[in-house]
Amino acid sequence: MVEKASADYAKLFQSISVDKEVDPICMNIEDMLARLDELETLLANVKAENNIIVDQHTNNIVGFVEEFRVLKERIDKLEHFVDVVNNNVNEVEKSLDIAENELNINEYSLKNLIFKPLRSKSKSSNSVPLDNSNVETIISSNMKNNEFQPIKIFKTDDYFK
């Protein structure tokens, strides 16, 4: 029985071809190594081209430093100008609100804008008591010595040449 089992095992080992099973695996490994070499070469080329491009563009960008500085200064001046104009517009709006409150203007039709100030001067001489709601909204006046004092705003000559 041992002889029969050993003969069967001998046939089994003889029928198994290691080359048939290992060769395809070795071929796949060799193919993968070849592709890995190709990828490594491709990455090295990309890295070299990338370094060349970065060096060229970095030098070009460094060449524009002075233009960038001038542009930055112009942008800063423009931002300052916008702030000045914004502050001036806010002051003019405050002055306009004060004037509207002084003249009791709450309608913006052309007729009321023209004739209401004339009527309010004649009514003011009749000594009409002020309404409490109007007193608390009037904070200051645009009038000094019975004369309108305009808000001082920027001069374009200071900003544009």
N, C-alpha and C. Protein backbone atom coordinates (compact mmCIF):
# COMPACT_ATOMS: atom_id res chain seq x y z
N MET A 1 0.81 -1.17 0.00
CA MET A 1 0.00 0.00 0.00
C MET A 1 0.87 1.26 0.00
N VAL A 2 1.96 1.22 0.68
CA VAL A 2 2.86 2.35 0.71
C VAL A 2 3.48 2.53 -0.67
N GLU A 3 3.78 1.41 -1.32
CA GLU A 3 4.36 1.50 -2.65
C GLU A 3 3.37 2.10 -3.63
N LYS A 4 2.11 1.70 -3.50
CA LYS A 4 1.09 2.23 -4.38
C LYS A 4 0.93 3.72 -4.15
N ALA A 5 0.90 4.15 -2.89
CA ALA A 5 0.75 5.58 -2.56
C ALA A 5 1.94 6.36 -3.08
N SER A 6 3.14 5.77 -2.95
CA SER A 6 4.32 6.49 -3.43
C SER A 6 4.31 6.58 -4.95
N ALA A 7 3.81 5.55 -5.63
CA ALA A 7 3.71 5.58 -7.08
C ALA A 7 2.71 6.65 -7.53
N ASP A 8 1.61 6.73 -6.81
CA ASP A 8 0.59 7.75 -7.13
C ASP A 8 1.16 9.16 -6.92
N TYR A 9 1.87 9.33 -5.84
CA TYR A 9 2.48 10.65 -5.59
C TYR A 9 3.54 10.97 -6.64
N ALA A 10 4.28 9.96 -7.08
CA ALA A 10 5.30 10.16 -8.10
C ALA A 10 4.65 10.60 -9.40
N LYS A 11 3.53 9.97 -9.78
CA LYS A 11 2.81 10.36 -10.99
C LYS A 11 2.30 11.81 -10.85
N LEU A 12 1.80 12.12 -9.67
CA LEU A 12 1.26 13.47 -9.43
C LEU A 12 2.36 14.51 -9.58
N PHE A 13 3.52 14.24 -8.98
CA PHE A 13 4.63 15.20 -9.08
C PHE A 13 5.17 15.29 -10.50
N GLN A 14 5.14 14.21 -11.22
CA GLN A 14 5.61 14.24 -12.60
C GLN A 14 4.63 14.99 -13.51
N SER A 15 3.35 14.91 -13.21
CA SER A 15 2.35 15.60 -14.04
C SER A 15 2.33 17.11 -13.77
N ILE A 16 2.79 17.50 -12.61
CA ILE A 16 2.82 18.94 -12.28
C ILE A 16 4.05 19.55 -12.93
N SER A 17 3.81 20.60 -13.72
CA SER A 17 4.92 21.32 -14.35
C SER A 17 5.03 22.68 -13.68
N VAL A 18 6.07 22.87 -12.93
CA VAL A 18 6.29 24.13 -12.21
C VAL A 18 6.50 25.26 -13.21
N ASP A 19 7.17 24.94 -14.29
CA ASP A 19 7.43 25.96 -15.31
C ASP A 19 6.13 26.52 -15.88
N LYS A 20 5.13 25.67 -16.09
CA LYS A 20 3.86 26.12 -16.66
C LYS A 20 3.15 27.11 -15.74
N GLU A 21 3.29 26.94 -14.44
CA GLU A 21 2.56 27.80 -13.51
C GLU A 21 3.39 29.01 -13.08
N VAL A 22 4.69 28.87 -13.00
CA VAL A 22 5.55 29.96 -12.55
C VAL A 22 5.89 30.90 -13.70
N ASP A 23 6.04 30.38 -14.90
CA ASP A 23 6.41 31.22 -16.04
C ASP A 23 5.43 32.38 -16.28
N PRO A 24 4.11 32.15 -16.30
CA PRO A 24 3.20 33.30 -16.49
C PRO A 24 3.33 34.36 -15.39
N ILE A 25 3.56 33.91 -14.16
CA ILE A 25 3.73 34.87 -13.06
C ILE A 25 5.00 35.68 -13.28
N CYS A 26 6.08 35.01 -13.67
CA CYS A 26 7.34 35.72 -13.93
C CYS A 26 7.18 36.70 -15.09
N MET A 27 6.43 36.30 -16.12
CA MET A 27 6.20 37.20 -17.26
C MET A 27 5.43 38.44 -16.81
N ASN A 28 4.41 38.25 -15.97
CA ASN A 28 3.64 39.39 -15.46
C ASN A 28 4.53 40.32 -14.63
N ILE A 29 5.39 39.73 -13.81
CA ILE A 29 6.29 40.55 -12.98
C ILE A 29 7.25 41.34 -13.86
N GLU A 30 7.81 40.69 -14.89
CA GLU A 30 8.72 41.39 -15.80
C GLU A 30 8.00 42.51 -16.55
N ASP A 31 6.76 42.26 -16.97
CA ASP A 31 5.96 43.29 -17.66
C ASP A 31 5.69 44.47 -16.73
N MET A 32 5.36 44.17 -15.48
CA MET A 32 5.11 45.24 -14.50
C MET A 32 6.38 46.05 -14.24
N LEU A 33 7.53 45.39 -14.16
CA LEU A 33 8.79 46.10 -13.95
C LEU A 33 9.12 47.00 -15.14
N ALA A 34 8.84 46.53 -16.36
CA ALA A 34 9.08 47.35 -17.55
C ALA A 34 8.19 48.59 -17.53
N ARG A 35 6.93 48.40 -17.18
CA ARG A 35 6.00 49.55 -17.11
C ARG A 35 6.41 50.51 -15.99
N LEU A 36 6.89 49.97 -14.89
CA LEU A 36 7.35 50.81 -13.78
C LEU A 36 8.56 51.64 -14.20
N ASP A 37 9.47 51.04 -14.97
CA ASP A 37 10.61 51.80 -15.51
C ASP A 37 10.14 52.92 -16.43
N GLU A 38 9.17 52.62 -17.29
CA GLU A 38 8.63 53.64 -18.19
C GLU A 38 8.01 54.79 -17.40
N LEU A 39 7.26 54.44 -16.35
CA LEU A 39 6.63 55.47 -15.51
C LEU A 39 7.68 56.32 -14.81
N GLU A 40 8.73 55.67 -14.32
CA GLU A 40 9.80 56.40 -13.65
C GLU A 40 10.49 57.37 -14.62
N THR A 41 10.72 56.92 -15.84
CA THR A 41 11.33 57.78 -16.86
C THR A 41 10.41 58.96 -17.19
N LEU A 42 9.12 58.67 -17.35
CA LEU A 42 8.15 59.73 -17.64
C LEU A 42 8.10 60.75 -16.51
N LEU A 43 8.08 60.30 -15.26
CA LEU A 43 8.05 61.22 -14.12
C LEU A 43 9.33 62.06 -14.05
N ALA A 44 10.46 61.46 -14.36
CA ALA A 44 11.72 62.21 -14.37
C ALA A 44 11.69 63.30 -15.44
N ASN A 45 11.15 62.98 -16.62
CA ASN A 45 11.03 63.98 -17.69
C ASN A 45 10.09 65.12 -17.29
N VAL A 46 8.96 64.76 -16.69
CA VAL A 46 8.00 65.79 -16.25
C VAL A 46 8.62 66.68 -15.19
N LYS A 47 9.34 66.09 -14.26
CA LYS A 47 9.99 66.87 -13.21
C LYS A 47 11.03 67.82 -13.80
N ALA A 48 11.81 67.33 -14.77
CA ALA A 48 12.83 68.18 -15.39
C ALA A 48 12.17 69.34 -16.15
N GLU A 49 11.12 69.05 -16.92
CA GLU A 49 10.41 70.11 -17.65
C GLU A 49 9.76 71.09 -16.68
N ASN A 50 9.21 70.57 -15.61
CA ASN A 50 8.58 71.42 -14.60
C ASN A 50 9.60 72.38 -14.00
N ASN A 51 10.78 71.88 -13.68
CA ASN A 51 11.83 72.73 -13.11
C ASN A 51 12.25 73.82 -14.09
N ILE A 52 12.37 73.46 -15.37
CA ILE A 52 12.74 74.45 -16.39
C ILE A 52 11.67 75.53 -16.49
N ILE A 53 10.41 75.12 -16.53
CA ILE A 53 9.30 76.08 -16.65
C ILE A 53 9.23 76.98 -15.42
N VAL A 54 9.36 76.39 -14.24
CA VAL A 54 9.31 77.18 -13.01
C VAL A 54 10.45 78.20 -12.98
N ASP A 55 11.64 77.77 -13.37
CA ASP A 55 12.78 78.70 -13.40
C ASP A 55 12.53 79.85 -14.36
N GLN A 56 12.03 79.54 -15.55
CA GLN A 56 11.78 80.59 -16.55
C GLN A 56 10.72 81.57 -16.06
N HIS A 57 9.60 81.05 -15.56
CA HIS A 57 8.50 81.93 -15.14
C HIS A 57 8.85 82.69 -13.86
N THR A 58 9.62 82.08 -12.99
CA THR A 58 10.04 82.79 -11.78
C THR A 58 10.89 83.99 -12.16
N ASN A 59 11.79 83.80 -13.09
CA ASN A 59 12.62 84.92 -13.55
C ASN A 59 11.77 86.00 -14.21
N ASN A 60 10.76 85.59 -15.00
CA ASN A 60 9.87 86.57 -15.62
C ASN A 60 9.08 87.35 -14.57
N ILE A 61 8.59 86.64 -13.56
CA ILE A 61 7.80 87.30 -12.50
C ILE A 61 8.69 88.26 -11.72
N VAL A 62 9.89 87.84 -11.40
CA VAL A 62 10.82 88.72 -10.68
C VAL A 62 11.11 89.97 -11.50
N GLY A 63 11.09 89.84 -12.82
CA GLY A 63 11.31 91.00 -13.69
C GLY A 63 10.20 92.03 -13.59
N PHE A 64 9.02 91.62 -13.13
CA PHE A 64 7.88 92.54 -13.03
C PHE A 64 7.70 93.13 -11.64
N VAL A 65 8.65 92.94 -10.75
CA VAL A 65 8.51 93.41 -9.37
C VAL A 65 8.25 94.91 -9.31
N GLU A 66 8.97 95.69 -10.07
CA GLU A 66 8.80 97.15 -10.03
C GLU A 66 7.42 97.54 -10.54
N GLU A 67 6.94 96.90 -11.60
CA GLU A 67 5.60 97.20 -12.11
C GLU A 67 4.54 96.82 -11.08
N PHE A 68 4.74 95.69 -10.39
CA PHE A 68 3.79 95.29 -9.36
C PHE A 68 3.77 96.30 -8.21
N ARG A 69 4.94 96.82 -7.84
CA ARG A 69 5.01 97.81 -6.77
C ARG A 69 4.25 99.08 -7.17
N VAL A 70 4.45 99.53 -8.40
CA VAL A 70 3.75 100.73 -8.89
C VAL A 70 2.25 100.47 -8.92
N LEU A 71 1.85 99.30 -9.39
CA LEU A 71 0.44 98.95 -9.44
C LEU A 71 -0.16 98.91 -8.04
N LYS A 72 0.58 98.37 -7.08
CA LYS A 72 0.10 98.32 -5.69
C LYS A 72 -0.11 99.72 -5.14
N GLU A 73 0.83 100.63 -5.42
CA GLU A 73 0.69 102.01 -4.95
C GLU A 73 -0.53 102.67 -5.57
N ARG A 74 -0.76 102.43 -6.85
CA ARG A 74 -1.93 103.02 -7.51
C ARG A 74 -3.22 102.48 -6.91
N ILE A 75 -3.25 101.18 -6.62
CA ILE A 75 -4.44 100.58 -6.00
C ILE A 75 -4.66 101.16 -4.62
N ASP A 76 -3.59 101.33 -3.84
CA ASP A 76 -3.72 101.92 -2.50
C ASP A 76 -4.26 103.35 -2.58
N LYS A 77 -3.76 104.13 -3.55
CA LYS A 77 -4.25 105.50 -3.72
C LYS A 77 -5.72 105.51 -4.13
N LEU A 78 -6.10 104.58 -5.00
CA LEU A 78 -7.50 104.49 -5.43
C LEU A 78 -8.39 104.12 -4.25
N GLU A 79 -7.96 103.19 -3.41
CA GLU A 79 -8.74 102.82 -2.23
C GLU A 79 -8.89 104.02 -1.29
N HIS A 80 -7.82 104.80 -1.12
CA HIS A 80 -7.89 106.00 -0.29
C HIS A 80 -8.89 107.00 -0.89
N PHE A 81 -8.83 107.19 -2.20
CA PHE A 81 -9.74 108.11 -2.88
C PHE A 81 -11.19 107.66 -2.70
N VAL A 82 -11.46 106.36 -2.84
CA VAL A 82 -12.81 105.84 -2.66
C VAL A 82 -13.29 106.09 -1.23
N ASP A 83 -12.41 105.92 -0.24
CA ASP A 83 -12.77 106.20 1.15
C ASP A 83 -13.11 107.68 1.34
N VAL A 84 -12.31 108.57 0.74
CA VAL A 84 -12.57 110.01 0.86
C VAL A 84 -13.92 110.35 0.23
N VAL A 85 -14.18 109.83 -0.96
CA VAL A 85 -15.46 110.11 -1.64
C VAL A 85 -16.61 109.55 -0.82
N ASN A 86 -16.45 108.36 -0.28
CA ASN A 86 -17.51 107.76 0.54
C ASN A 86 -17.80 108.62 1.77
N ASN A 87 -16.75 109.09 2.44
CA ASN A 87 -16.95 109.96 3.60
C ASN A 87 -17.63 111.27 3.20
N ASN A 88 -17.22 111.85 2.07
CA ASN A 88 -17.85 113.08 1.59
C ASN A 88 -19.32 112.87 1.27
N VAL A 89 -19.65 111.77 0.62
CA VAL A 89 -21.05 111.48 0.30
C VAL A 89 -21.86 111.32 1.58
N ASN A 90 -21.31 110.65 2.58
CA ASN A 90 -22.02 110.50 3.86
C ASN A 90 -22.26 111.86 4.52
N GLU A 91 -21.27 112.74 4.48
CA GLU A 91 -21.43 114.07 5.07
C GLU A 91 -22.48 114.89 4.32
N VAL A 92 -22.47 114.81 2.99
CA VAL A 92 -23.47 115.55 2.20
C VAL A 92 -24.86 114.99 2.48
N GLU A 93 -24.99 113.68 2.62
CA GLU A 93 -26.29 113.09 2.94
C GLU A 93 -26.77 113.56 4.31
N LYS A 94 -25.87 113.64 5.29
CA LYS A 94 -26.26 114.16 6.61
C LYS A 94 -26.73 115.60 6.50
N SER A 95 -25.99 116.40 5.73
CA SER A 95 -26.36 117.81 5.55
C SER A 95 -27.71 117.92 4.86
N LEU A 96 -27.96 117.06 3.87
CA LEU A 96 -29.24 117.06 3.17
C LEU A 96 -30.37 116.66 4.11
N ASP A 97 -30.14 115.66 4.95
CA ASP A 97 -31.16 115.26 5.93
C ASP A 97 -31.49 116.40 6.88
N ILE A 98 -30.46 117.11 7.32
CA ILE A 98 -30.67 118.25 8.22
C ILE A 98 -31.49 119.32 7.51
N ALA A 99 -31.13 119.63 6.27
CA ALA A 99 -31.86 120.65 5.52
C ALA A 99 -33.31 120.23 5.29
N GLU A 100 -33.55 118.97 4.97
CA GLU A 100 -34.92 118.50 4.78
C GLU A 100 -35.71 118.61 6.08
N ASN A 101 -35.10 118.30 7.20
CA ASN A 101 -35.79 118.43 8.48
C ASN A 101 -36.07 119.90 8.80
N GLU A 102 -35.12 120.78 8.52
CA GLU A 102 -35.34 122.20 8.80
C GLU A 102 -36.46 122.77 7.95
N LEU A 103 -36.60 122.28 6.72
CA LEU A 103 -37.62 122.80 5.82
C LEU A 103 -38.88 121.93 5.81
N ASN A 104 -38.92 120.92 6.66
CA ASN A 104 -40.06 120.00 6.76
C ASN A 104 -40.42 119.40 5.40
N ILE A 105 -39.45 118.97 4.68
CA ILE A 105 -39.69 118.35 3.37
C ILE A 105 -39.81 116.85 3.57
N ASN A 106 -40.99 116.33 3.23
CA ASN A 106 -41.17 114.89 3.29
C ASN A 106 -41.73 114.35 1.98
N GLU A 107 -42.05 115.24 1.04
CA GLU A 107 -42.45 114.84 -0.31
C GLU A 107 -41.40 115.36 -1.27
N TYR A 108 -41.15 114.59 -2.31
CA TYR A 108 -40.07 114.96 -3.22
C TYR A 108 -40.58 115.34 -4.62
N SER A 109 -41.79 115.87 -4.70
CA SER A 109 -42.26 116.34 -6.00
C SER A 109 -41.61 117.68 -6.30
N LEU A 110 -41.52 118.03 -7.57
CA LEU A 110 -40.87 119.27 -7.99
C LEU A 110 -41.60 120.48 -7.41
N LYS A 111 -42.91 120.42 -7.39
CA LYS A 111 -43.73 121.52 -6.86
C LYS A 111 -43.40 121.77 -5.39
N ASN A 112 -43.37 120.70 -4.61
CA ASN A 112 -43.08 120.86 -3.18
C ASN A 112 -41.64 121.30 -2.94
N LEU A 113 -40.70 120.82 -3.74
CA LEU A 113 -39.31 121.20 -3.55
C LEU A 113 -39.09 122.68 -3.85
N ILE A 114 -39.86 123.24 -4.78
CA ILE A 114 -39.69 124.65 -5.13
C ILE A 114 -40.44 125.57 -4.17
N PHE A 115 -41.69 125.24 -3.89
CA PHE A 115 -42.53 126.17 -3.14
C PHE A 115 -42.52 125.96 -1.63
N LYS A 116 -42.22 124.78 -1.14
CA LYS A 116 -42.26 124.53 0.30
C LYS A 116 -41.27 125.41 1.07
N PRO A 117 -40.02 125.60 0.63
CA PRO A 117 -39.13 126.48 1.38
C PRO A 117 -39.64 127.92 1.46
N LEU A 118 -40.30 128.36 0.39
CA LEU A 118 -40.84 129.73 0.41
C LEU A 118 -41.98 129.84 1.41
N ARG A 119 -42.84 128.82 1.45
CA ARG A 119 -43.95 128.83 2.40
C ARG A 119 -43.45 128.66 3.83
N SER A 120 -42.41 127.88 4.03
CA SER A 120 -41.94 127.66 5.39
C SER A 120 -41.33 128.93 5.97
N LYS A 121 -40.71 129.78 5.15
CA LYS A 121 -40.16 131.05 5.66
C LYS A 121 -41.28 131.96 6.12
N SER A 122 -42.36 131.99 5.35
CA SER A 122 -43.47 132.87 5.76
C SER A 122 -44.16 132.31 6.99
N LYS A 123 -44.24 131.00 7.14
CA LYS A 123 -44.85 130.41 8.32
C LYS A 123 -43.96 130.58 9.54
N SER A 124 -42.63 130.54 9.35
CA SER A 124 -41.73 130.64 10.49
C SER A 124 -41.84 132.02 11.14
N SER A 125 -42.22 133.03 10.39
CA SER A 125 -42.38 134.35 10.99
C SER A 125 -43.64 134.44 11.82
N ASN A 126 -44.59 133.49 11.66
CA ASN A 126 -45.83 133.50 12.43
C ASN A 126 -45.66 132.81 13.77
N SER A 127 -44.48 132.33 14.10
CA SER A 127 -44.20 131.72 15.40
C SER A 127 -45.09 130.52 15.67
N VAL A 128 -44.97 129.48 14.87
CA VAL A 128 -45.71 128.24 15.07
C VAL A 128 -44.86 127.34 15.95
N PRO A 129 -45.42 126.72 17.01
CA PRO A 129 -44.62 125.85 17.87
C PRO A 129 -44.16 124.60 17.11
N LEU A 130 -42.98 124.17 17.45
CA LEU A 130 -42.41 123.00 16.79
C LEU A 130 -43.00 121.72 17.35
N ASP A 131 -43.14 120.75 16.51
CA ASP A 131 -43.59 119.43 16.91
C ASP A 131 -42.43 118.71 17.60
N ASN A 132 -42.69 117.96 18.69
CA ASN A 132 -41.63 117.28 19.43
C ASN A 132 -40.88 116.26 18.58
N SER A 133 -41.58 115.61 17.65
CA SER A 133 -40.90 114.61 16.82
C SER A 133 -39.87 115.26 15.91
N ASN A 134 -40.11 116.50 15.46
CA ASN A 134 -39.14 117.20 14.62
C ASN A 134 -37.96 117.69 15.43
N VAL A 135 -38.17 118.05 16.68
CA VAL A 135 -37.10 118.58 17.51
C VAL A 135 -36.04 117.51 17.76
N GLU A 136 -36.47 116.26 18.01
CA GLU A 136 -35.50 115.23 18.31
C GLU A 136 -34.75 114.74 17.07
N THR A 137 -35.31 114.96 15.87
CA THR A 137 -34.60 114.53 14.67
C THR A 137 -33.59 115.57 14.20
N ILE A 138 -33.77 116.84 14.57
CA ILE A 138 -32.83 117.88 14.18
C ILE A 138 -31.68 117.88 15.17
N ILE A 139 -30.54 117.44 14.73
CA ILE A 139 -29.39 117.34 15.61
C ILE A 139 -28.57 118.62 15.55
N SER A 140 -28.29 119.09 14.36
CA SER A 140 -27.54 120.32 14.19
C SER A 140 -28.12 121.06 12.99
N SER A 141 -27.49 122.14 12.65
CA SER A 141 -28.01 122.95 11.56
C SER A 141 -26.90 123.22 10.56
N ASN A 142 -27.31 123.43 9.31
CA ASN A 142 -26.38 123.81 8.26
C ASN A 142 -26.19 125.33 8.23
N MET A 143 -26.91 126.03 9.08
CA MET A 143 -26.90 127.49 9.06
C MET A 143 -25.96 128.02 10.14
N LYS A 144 -25.14 129.01 9.76
CA LYS A 144 -24.31 129.73 10.72
C LYS A 144 -24.44 131.20 10.38
N ASN A 145 -24.78 131.99 11.38
CA ASN A 145 -25.01 133.43 11.17
C ASN A 145 -26.04 133.65 10.07
N ASN A 146 -27.09 132.83 10.11
CA ASN A 146 -28.20 132.95 9.17
C ASN A 146 -27.75 132.75 7.72
N GLU A 147 -26.70 131.97 7.52
CA GLU A 147 -26.19 131.71 6.17
C GLU A 147 -25.84 130.23 6.06
N PHE A 148 -26.20 129.63 4.93
CA PHE A 148 -25.94 128.21 4.70
C PHE A 148 -24.43 127.96 4.61
N GLN A 149 -23.97 126.94 5.32
CA GLN A 149 -22.56 126.57 5.29
C GLN A 149 -22.43 125.21 4.58
N PRO A 150 -21.92 125.20 3.36
CA PRO A 150 -21.81 123.93 2.64
C PRO A 150 -20.73 123.03 3.25
N ILE A 151 -20.90 121.76 3.02
CA ILE A 151 -19.92 120.77 3.48
C ILE A 151 -18.69 120.87 2.58
N LYS A 152 -17.51 120.83 3.19
CA LYS A 152 -16.29 120.85 2.40
C LYS A 152 -16.02 119.43 1.90
N ILE A 153 -15.89 119.32 0.58
CA ILE A 153 -15.64 118.02 -0.02
C ILE A 153 -14.30 118.05 -0.75
N PHE A 154 -13.88 116.90 -1.23
CA PHE A 154 -12.57 116.77 -1.86
C PHE A 154 -12.50 117.62 -3.13
N LYS A 155 -11.27 117.93 -3.51
CA LYS A 155 -11.03 118.63 -4.78
C LYS A 155 -10.41 117.62 -5.74
N THR A 156 -10.95 117.58 -6.94
CA THR A 156 -10.44 116.61 -7.91
C THR A 156 -8.98 116.87 -8.25
N ASP A 157 -8.55 118.13 -8.16
CA ASP A 157 -7.15 118.44 -8.47
C ASP A 157 -6.19 117.75 -7.51
N ASP A 158 -6.67 117.45 -6.30
CA ASP A 158 -5.81 116.77 -5.33
C ASP A 158 -5.57 115.30 -5.71
N TYR A 159 -6.45 114.74 -6.53
CA TYR A 159 -6.36 113.32 -6.84
C TYR A 159 -6.10 113.02 -8.31
N PHE A 160 -6.50 113.93 -9.20
CA PHE A 160 -6.33 113.70 -10.63
C PHE A 160 -5.48 114.80 -11.22
N LYS A 161 -4.58 114.42 -12.11
CA LYS A 161 -3.70 115.42 -12.71
C LYS A 161 -3.83 115.39 -14.19
